[in-house]
Amino acid sequence: MSRLPKYRPKKLSLGPLETEILEIVWQLGCVTVKDVHEVLLADPDRELAYASVTTVLRRLTKKGWLSCDKRERAFCWQALISCEEARVIKAYEQLQSFLAVSNPDVVASFADSLDAASLEQIDAIAKRLDTVRRQREEEKE
C-alpha cells in the first residue's frame, strides 16, 4: 500500500503543458531543456519554442515539482516526487474534498449508484481502515 509522501509540491495544480513536461521528466529521469524539447517536437505537427520549455521547467521548479542542478554547462531537472507519489497525493486531495461535504447522508447517497466492483473496493478499504485503527491502538498501549 502506498503511503502519503512526506514531501508535497507547494502547488498541486498543473496546466496541460506542465503535466506533459512533468511526465517526460518522470520518463527520462534527469532532463535538460533540449531533451524535453526534442521529445515534444517528435510530433511533426507540434511547434513549441525552446524558451517555452525553459519557462515551464522553471515554473514546475517554483511549484515544487522539480529540482534543478547545473551539470557541466547545462541545467538538469529532476522530479522531486515519483509519478506514483503524485497519484497518491492527488487521490488524497480528492478524498479530502469529497469528505469536506461533512454530511454522511450526502456521502452515503452515492452508494446507490455503485457497481459490484466498487462495493468490493469499499469493503476492502473498510477492512484496511479497521486494520490501521487496530495497529494504532496497539501502538498506544
N, C-alpha and C. Protein backbone atom coordinates (compact mmCIF):
# COMPACT_ATOMS: atom_id res chain seq x y z
N MET A 1 0.84 -1.17 0.00
CA MET A 1 0.00 0.00 0.00
C MET A 1 0.89 1.24 0.00
N SER A 2 0.58 2.18 -0.85
CA SER A 2 1.34 3.42 -0.92
C SER A 2 0.91 4.35 0.20
N ARG A 3 1.89 4.93 0.85
CA ARG A 3 1.60 5.89 1.92
C ARG A 3 1.65 7.30 1.36
N LEU A 4 1.05 8.21 2.07
CA LEU A 4 1.09 9.62 1.69
C LEU A 4 2.52 10.10 1.85
N PRO A 5 3.13 10.63 0.78
CA PRO A 5 4.52 11.08 0.86
C PRO A 5 4.69 12.22 1.85
N LYS A 6 5.86 12.28 2.48
CA LYS A 6 6.14 13.36 3.42
C LYS A 6 6.33 14.68 2.67
N TYR A 7 6.97 14.60 1.50
CA TYR A 7 7.17 15.81 0.70
C TYR A 7 5.98 16.01 -0.22
N ARG A 8 5.54 17.26 -0.30
CA ARG A 8 4.46 17.62 -1.23
C ARG A 8 4.85 18.88 -1.96
N PRO A 9 4.58 18.94 -3.26
CA PRO A 9 4.83 20.18 -4.00
C PRO A 9 4.04 21.34 -3.39
N LYS A 10 4.57 22.55 -3.54
CA LYS A 10 3.91 23.74 -3.00
C LYS A 10 2.56 23.98 -3.65
N LYS A 11 2.50 23.79 -4.95
CA LYS A 11 1.25 23.97 -5.70
C LYS A 11 0.97 22.68 -6.46
N LEU A 12 -0.20 22.12 -6.21
CA LEU A 12 -0.55 20.85 -6.85
C LEU A 12 -1.14 21.02 -8.24
N SER A 13 -1.78 22.14 -8.49
CA SER A 13 -2.45 22.32 -9.78
C SER A 13 -1.42 22.53 -10.89
N LEU A 14 -1.65 21.82 -11.98
CA LEU A 14 -0.76 21.91 -13.15
C LEU A 14 -1.59 22.11 -14.40
N GLY A 15 -1.05 22.88 -15.32
CA GLY A 15 -1.68 23.05 -16.61
C GLY A 15 -1.35 21.88 -17.51
N PRO A 16 -1.98 21.80 -18.69
CA PRO A 16 -1.75 20.67 -19.60
C PRO A 16 -0.29 20.54 -20.04
N LEU A 17 0.36 21.65 -20.38
CA LEU A 17 1.76 21.57 -20.82
C LEU A 17 2.67 21.23 -19.65
N GLU A 18 2.38 21.75 -18.48
CA GLU A 18 3.16 21.40 -17.30
C GLU A 18 3.05 19.90 -17.02
N THR A 19 1.85 19.37 -17.12
CA THR A 19 1.63 17.94 -16.89
C THR A 19 2.39 17.11 -17.92
N GLU A 20 2.32 17.51 -19.16
CA GLU A 20 3.02 16.78 -20.23
C GLU A 20 4.53 16.78 -20.01
N ILE A 21 5.06 17.92 -19.64
CA ILE A 21 6.51 18.02 -19.42
C ILE A 21 6.91 17.24 -18.17
N LEU A 22 6.11 17.29 -17.12
CA LEU A 22 6.41 16.51 -15.92
C LEU A 22 6.44 15.01 -16.24
N GLU A 23 5.52 14.56 -17.08
CA GLU A 23 5.52 13.15 -17.47
C GLU A 23 6.79 12.78 -18.25
N ILE A 24 7.29 13.71 -19.05
CA ILE A 24 8.54 13.47 -19.77
C ILE A 24 9.69 13.36 -18.78
N VAL A 25 9.70 14.23 -17.77
CA VAL A 25 10.75 14.18 -16.74
C VAL A 25 10.68 12.84 -16.01
N TRP A 26 9.49 12.39 -15.65
CA TRP A 26 9.36 11.09 -14.99
C TRP A 26 9.87 9.97 -15.88
N GLN A 27 9.60 10.06 -17.16
CA GLN A 27 10.01 9.02 -18.11
C GLN A 27 11.53 8.99 -18.29
N LEU A 28 12.15 10.16 -18.40
CA LEU A 28 13.58 10.22 -18.71
C LEU A 28 14.48 10.31 -17.49
N GLY A 29 13.95 10.74 -16.37
CA GLY A 29 14.77 10.87 -15.16
C GLY A 29 15.35 12.26 -15.01
N CYS A 30 16.55 12.46 -15.47
CA CYS A 30 17.22 13.76 -15.41
C CYS A 30 17.22 14.34 -16.83
N VAL A 31 16.66 15.55 -16.98
CA VAL A 31 16.49 16.10 -18.33
C VAL A 31 17.07 17.50 -18.44
N THR A 32 17.45 17.84 -19.65
CA THR A 32 17.79 19.21 -19.99
C THR A 32 16.64 19.78 -20.81
N VAL A 33 16.67 21.07 -21.02
CA VAL A 33 15.64 21.69 -21.85
C VAL A 33 15.64 21.04 -23.23
N LYS A 34 16.83 20.79 -23.74
CA LYS A 34 16.97 20.18 -25.08
C LYS A 34 16.29 18.81 -25.12
N ASP A 35 16.49 18.01 -24.07
CA ASP A 35 15.87 16.67 -24.02
C ASP A 35 14.35 16.77 -24.14
N VAL A 36 13.77 17.65 -23.33
CA VAL A 36 12.31 17.80 -23.31
C VAL A 36 11.82 18.36 -24.64
N HIS A 37 12.52 19.36 -25.14
CA HIS A 37 12.14 19.99 -26.40
C HIS A 37 12.13 18.97 -27.54
N GLU A 38 13.14 18.11 -27.58
CA GLU A 38 13.22 17.09 -28.63
C GLU A 38 12.06 16.10 -28.54
N VAL A 39 11.70 15.69 -27.32
CA VAL A 39 10.58 14.76 -27.16
C VAL A 39 9.29 15.41 -27.65
N LEU A 40 9.08 16.66 -27.25
CA LEU A 40 7.86 17.36 -27.65
C LEU A 40 7.79 17.56 -29.16
N LEU A 41 8.92 17.85 -29.77
CA LEU A 41 8.93 18.11 -31.22
C LEU A 41 9.02 16.83 -32.05
N ALA A 42 9.02 15.68 -31.38
CA ALA A 42 8.99 14.41 -32.12
C ALA A 42 7.68 14.31 -32.89
N ASP A 43 6.67 15.01 -32.42
CA ASP A 43 5.39 15.09 -33.14
C ASP A 43 5.56 16.16 -34.23
N PRO A 44 5.53 15.77 -35.50
CA PRO A 44 5.78 16.73 -36.58
C PRO A 44 4.75 17.86 -36.68
N ASP A 45 3.58 17.66 -36.10
CA ASP A 45 2.55 18.69 -36.15
C ASP A 45 2.65 19.68 -34.98
N ARG A 46 3.67 19.52 -34.18
CA ARG A 46 3.80 20.33 -32.97
C ARG A 46 4.86 21.39 -33.13
N GLU A 47 4.53 22.58 -32.66
CA GLU A 47 5.50 23.67 -32.61
C GLU A 47 5.53 24.20 -31.19
N LEU A 48 6.71 24.31 -30.65
CA LEU A 48 6.87 24.84 -29.30
C LEU A 48 8.27 25.42 -29.19
N ALA A 49 8.35 26.65 -28.76
CA ALA A 49 9.64 27.32 -28.64
C ALA A 49 10.47 26.71 -27.51
N TYR A 50 11.77 26.68 -27.73
CA TYR A 50 12.72 26.20 -26.74
C TYR A 50 12.55 27.01 -25.44
N ALA A 51 12.36 28.31 -25.58
CA ALA A 51 12.19 29.19 -24.41
C ALA A 51 10.94 28.83 -23.62
N SER A 52 9.91 28.36 -24.30
CA SER A 52 8.67 27.96 -23.61
C SER A 52 8.91 26.75 -22.73
N VAL A 53 9.72 25.82 -23.21
CA VAL A 53 10.06 24.64 -22.41
C VAL A 53 10.84 25.07 -21.17
N THR A 54 11.77 25.99 -21.35
CA THR A 54 12.55 26.51 -20.23
C THR A 54 11.62 27.15 -19.19
N THR A 55 10.69 27.94 -19.66
CA THR A 55 9.74 28.62 -18.76
C THR A 55 8.93 27.61 -17.97
N VAL A 56 8.44 26.57 -18.62
CA VAL A 56 7.62 25.57 -17.93
C VAL A 56 8.46 24.79 -16.92
N LEU A 57 9.68 24.44 -17.28
CA LEU A 57 10.56 23.73 -16.33
C LEU A 57 10.82 24.60 -15.10
N ARG A 58 11.04 25.88 -15.31
CA ARG A 58 11.26 26.80 -14.18
C ARG A 58 9.99 26.92 -13.33
N ARG A 59 8.84 26.98 -13.99
CA ARG A 59 7.58 27.08 -13.26
C ARG A 59 7.35 25.82 -12.41
N LEU A 60 7.64 24.65 -12.97
CA LEU A 60 7.49 23.41 -12.21
C LEU A 60 8.45 23.37 -11.02
N THR A 61 9.60 23.99 -11.18
CA THR A 61 10.56 24.08 -10.08
C THR A 61 10.01 24.99 -8.98
N LYS A 62 9.46 26.14 -9.36
CA LYS A 62 8.87 27.06 -8.37
C LYS A 62 7.69 26.43 -7.65
N LYS A 63 6.93 25.61 -8.36
CA LYS A 63 5.77 24.95 -7.75
C LYS A 63 6.18 23.79 -6.85
N GLY A 64 7.46 23.42 -6.89
CA GLY A 64 7.95 22.36 -6.02
C GLY A 64 7.89 20.96 -6.60
N TRP A 65 7.71 20.85 -7.91
CA TRP A 65 7.65 19.53 -8.54
C TRP A 65 9.03 19.04 -8.98
N LEU A 66 9.91 19.98 -9.33
CA LEU A 66 11.22 19.63 -9.87
C LEU A 66 12.34 20.31 -9.09
N SER A 67 13.53 19.74 -9.18
CA SER A 67 14.73 20.41 -8.70
C SER A 67 15.62 20.65 -9.92
N CYS A 68 16.48 21.63 -9.82
CA CYS A 68 17.34 21.98 -10.94
C CYS A 68 18.78 22.09 -10.46
N ASP A 69 19.67 21.41 -11.15
CA ASP A 69 21.10 21.46 -10.84
C ASP A 69 21.87 21.76 -12.12
N LYS A 70 22.98 22.45 -11.95
CA LYS A 70 23.83 22.71 -13.12
C LYS A 70 24.84 21.58 -13.23
N ARG A 71 24.87 20.96 -14.38
CA ARG A 71 25.83 19.88 -14.65
C ARG A 71 26.64 20.28 -15.87
N GLU A 72 27.89 20.45 -15.64
CA GLU A 72 28.79 20.96 -16.67
C GLU A 72 28.24 22.29 -17.18
N ARG A 73 27.84 22.36 -18.44
CA ARG A 73 27.36 23.64 -18.98
C ARG A 73 25.84 23.69 -19.15
N ALA A 74 25.15 22.67 -18.69
CA ALA A 74 23.69 22.62 -18.88
C ALA A 74 22.99 22.44 -17.54
N PHE A 75 21.77 22.93 -17.49
CA PHE A 75 20.94 22.71 -16.31
C PHE A 75 20.19 21.40 -16.48
N CYS A 76 20.05 20.67 -15.37
CA CYS A 76 19.39 19.37 -15.39
C CYS A 76 18.26 19.39 -14.38
N TRP A 77 17.07 18.98 -14.82
CA TRP A 77 15.90 18.96 -13.96
C TRP A 77 15.56 17.51 -13.60
N GLN A 78 15.14 17.31 -12.34
CA GLN A 78 14.69 16.01 -11.86
C GLN A 78 13.43 16.19 -11.04
N ALA A 79 12.58 15.18 -11.06
CA ALA A 79 11.34 15.22 -10.27
C ALA A 79 11.67 15.03 -8.80
N LEU A 80 10.97 15.77 -7.95
CA LEU A 80 11.15 15.65 -6.51
C LEU A 80 10.27 14.55 -5.91
N ILE A 81 9.23 14.15 -6.65
CA ILE A 81 8.41 13.02 -6.25
C ILE A 81 8.16 12.15 -7.48
N SER A 82 7.88 10.89 -7.23
CA SER A 82 7.63 9.97 -8.34
C SER A 82 6.20 10.14 -8.85
N CYS A 83 5.94 9.54 -9.97
CA CYS A 83 4.60 9.55 -10.55
C CYS A 83 3.61 8.89 -9.59
N GLU A 84 4.01 7.80 -8.99
CA GLU A 84 3.15 7.09 -8.03
C GLU A 84 2.85 7.97 -6.82
N GLU A 85 3.86 8.66 -6.31
CA GLU A 85 3.63 9.56 -5.17
C GLU A 85 2.67 10.69 -5.54
N ALA A 86 2.79 11.19 -6.76
CA ALA A 86 1.89 12.24 -7.22
C ALA A 86 0.45 11.73 -7.28
N ARG A 87 0.27 10.49 -7.72
CA ARG A 87 -1.07 9.89 -7.76
C ARG A 87 -1.65 9.76 -6.35
N VAL A 88 -0.81 9.36 -5.40
CA VAL A 88 -1.27 9.21 -4.02
C VAL A 88 -1.71 10.57 -3.47
N ILE A 89 -0.91 11.60 -3.71
CA ILE A 89 -1.25 12.95 -3.23
C ILE A 89 -2.55 13.42 -3.87
N LYS A 90 -2.69 13.22 -5.17
CA LYS A 90 -3.90 13.65 -5.86
C LYS A 90 -5.13 12.92 -5.32
N ALA A 91 -5.01 11.61 -5.13
CA ALA A 91 -6.12 10.84 -4.58
C ALA A 91 -6.48 11.32 -3.18
N TYR A 92 -5.47 11.61 -2.37
CA TYR A 92 -5.70 12.11 -1.01
C TYR A 92 -6.45 13.44 -1.05
N GLU A 93 -6.02 14.34 -1.93
CA GLU A 93 -6.68 15.64 -2.05
C GLU A 93 -8.13 15.50 -2.50
N GLN A 94 -8.36 14.59 -3.45
CA GLN A 94 -9.73 14.36 -3.93
C GLN A 94 -10.61 13.79 -2.82
N LEU A 95 -10.05 12.86 -2.04
CA LEU A 95 -10.79 12.28 -0.94
C LEU A 95 -11.12 13.35 0.11
N GLN A 96 -10.14 14.20 0.42
CA GLN A 96 -10.38 15.26 1.40
C GLN A 96 -11.48 16.21 0.91
N SER A 97 -11.47 16.53 -0.37
CA SER A 97 -12.51 17.40 -0.93
C SER A 97 -13.88 16.73 -0.82
N PHE A 98 -13.92 15.45 -1.12
CA PHE A 98 -15.17 14.70 -1.05
C PHE A 98 -15.69 14.65 0.39
N LEU A 99 -14.79 14.38 1.32
CA LEU A 99 -15.19 14.28 2.72
C LEU A 99 -15.51 15.64 3.33
N ALA A 100 -15.06 16.71 2.71
CA ALA A 100 -15.32 18.06 3.22
C ALA A 100 -16.81 18.39 3.18
N VAL A 101 -17.57 17.59 2.45
CA VAL A 101 -19.01 17.78 2.41
C VAL A 101 -19.56 17.69 3.84
N SER A 102 -18.91 16.90 4.68
CA SER A 102 -19.22 16.75 6.11
C SER A 102 -20.61 16.22 6.40
N ASN A 103 -21.28 15.72 5.45
CA ASN A 103 -22.62 15.21 5.68
C ASN A 103 -22.64 13.73 5.30
N PRO A 104 -22.65 12.84 6.29
CA PRO A 104 -22.62 11.40 5.98
C PRO A 104 -23.74 10.96 5.04
N ASP A 105 -24.90 11.60 5.14
CA ASP A 105 -26.01 11.22 4.27
C ASP A 105 -25.70 11.52 2.80
N VAL A 106 -25.06 12.65 2.55
CA VAL A 106 -24.70 13.01 1.17
C VAL A 106 -23.66 12.03 0.64
N VAL A 107 -22.64 11.76 1.46
CA VAL A 107 -21.59 10.82 1.03
C VAL A 107 -22.19 9.44 0.81
N ALA A 108 -23.03 8.98 1.73
CA ALA A 108 -23.64 7.65 1.62
C ALA A 108 -24.60 7.56 0.45
N SER A 109 -25.17 8.67 0.01
CA SER A 109 -26.13 8.63 -1.09
C SER A 109 -25.50 8.13 -2.39
N PHE A 110 -24.19 8.24 -2.49
CA PHE A 110 -23.52 7.75 -3.68
C PHE A 110 -23.48 6.22 -3.73
N ALA A 111 -23.71 5.58 -2.60
CA ALA A 111 -23.65 4.12 -2.54
C ALA A 111 -24.67 3.47 -3.47
N ASP A 112 -25.80 4.12 -3.67
CA ASP A 112 -26.84 3.56 -4.54
C ASP A 112 -26.38 3.41 -5.99
N SER A 113 -25.43 4.24 -6.39
CA SER A 113 -25.00 4.22 -7.79
C SER A 113 -23.75 3.37 -8.03
N LEU A 114 -23.25 2.70 -7.00
CA LEU A 114 -22.03 1.92 -7.15
C LEU A 114 -22.32 0.54 -7.73
N ASP A 115 -21.37 0.05 -8.53
CA ASP A 115 -21.49 -1.30 -9.07
C ASP A 115 -20.83 -2.29 -8.10
N ALA A 116 -20.91 -3.57 -8.42
CA ALA A 116 -20.39 -4.61 -7.52
C ALA A 116 -18.89 -4.45 -7.28
N ALA A 117 -18.12 -4.13 -8.31
CA ALA A 117 -16.67 -3.97 -8.15
C ALA A 117 -16.36 -2.82 -7.21
N SER A 118 -17.10 -1.72 -7.33
CA SER A 118 -16.89 -0.58 -6.44
C SER A 118 -17.20 -0.95 -5.00
N LEU A 119 -18.27 -1.71 -4.80
CA LEU A 119 -18.64 -2.13 -3.45
C LEU A 119 -17.56 -3.03 -2.85
N GLU A 120 -16.97 -3.89 -3.67
CA GLU A 120 -15.88 -4.74 -3.20
C GLU A 120 -14.68 -3.88 -2.79
N GLN A 121 -14.40 -2.84 -3.57
CA GLN A 121 -13.30 -1.94 -3.22
C GLN A 121 -13.58 -1.23 -1.90
N ILE A 122 -14.81 -0.78 -1.70
CA ILE A 122 -15.17 -0.10 -0.46
C ILE A 122 -15.03 -1.06 0.72
N ASP A 123 -15.44 -2.31 0.55
CA ASP A 123 -15.27 -3.31 1.61
C ASP A 123 -13.79 -3.51 1.93
N ALA A 124 -12.96 -3.59 0.89
CA ALA A 124 -11.52 -3.76 1.09
C ALA A 124 -10.92 -2.56 1.83
N ILE A 125 -11.38 -1.36 1.48
CA ILE A 125 -10.91 -0.15 2.14
C ILE A 125 -11.33 -0.16 3.61
N ALA A 126 -12.57 -0.55 3.87
CA ALA A 126 -13.06 -0.61 5.25
C ALA A 126 -12.25 -1.60 6.08
N LYS A 127 -11.92 -2.75 5.51
CA LYS A 127 -11.10 -3.74 6.22
C LYS A 127 -9.70 -3.18 6.50
N ARG A 128 -9.15 -2.50 5.51
CA ARG A 128 -7.81 -1.92 5.69
C ARG A 128 -7.84 -0.84 6.77
N LEU A 129 -8.88 -0.01 6.79
CA LEU A 129 -9.01 1.03 7.82
C LEU A 129 -9.13 0.40 9.21
N ASP A 130 -9.87 -0.69 9.29
CA ASP A 130 -10.01 -1.38 10.57
C ASP A 130 -8.65 -1.89 11.05
N THR A 131 -7.86 -2.44 10.15
CA THR A 131 -6.53 -2.93 10.49
C THR A 131 -5.64 -1.78 10.97
N VAL A 132 -5.68 -0.66 10.27
CA VAL A 132 -4.88 0.51 10.66
C VAL A 132 -5.29 1.01 12.04
N ARG A 133 -6.58 1.07 12.30
CA ARG A 133 -7.07 1.52 13.62
C ARG A 133 -6.57 0.60 14.73
N ARG A 134 -6.65 -0.71 14.49
CA ARG A 134 -6.18 -1.67 15.50
C ARG A 134 -4.69 -1.48 15.76
N GLN A 135 -3.91 -1.29 14.68
CA GLN A 135 -2.46 -1.10 14.84
C GLN A 135 -2.16 0.15 15.65
N ARG A 136 -2.89 1.22 15.39
CA ARG A 136 -2.70 2.46 16.14
C ARG A 136 -3.03 2.27 17.61
N GLU A 137 -4.11 1.54 17.89
CA GLU A 137 -4.49 1.28 19.28
C GLU A 137 -3.44 0.46 20.00
N GLU A 138 -2.88 -0.54 19.30
CA GLU A 138 -1.84 -1.38 19.90
C GLU A 138 -0.58 -0.57 20.17
N GLU A 139 -0.26 0.39 19.28
CA GLU A 139 0.92 1.22 19.48
C GLU A 139 0.76 2.13 20.69
N LYS A 140 -0.47 2.56 20.97
CA LYS A 140 -0.74 3.44 22.12
C LYS A 140 -0.57 2.70 23.44
N GLU A 141 -0.84 1.41 23.43
CA GLU A 141 -0.78 0.61 24.67
C GLU A 141 0.60 0.34 25.13
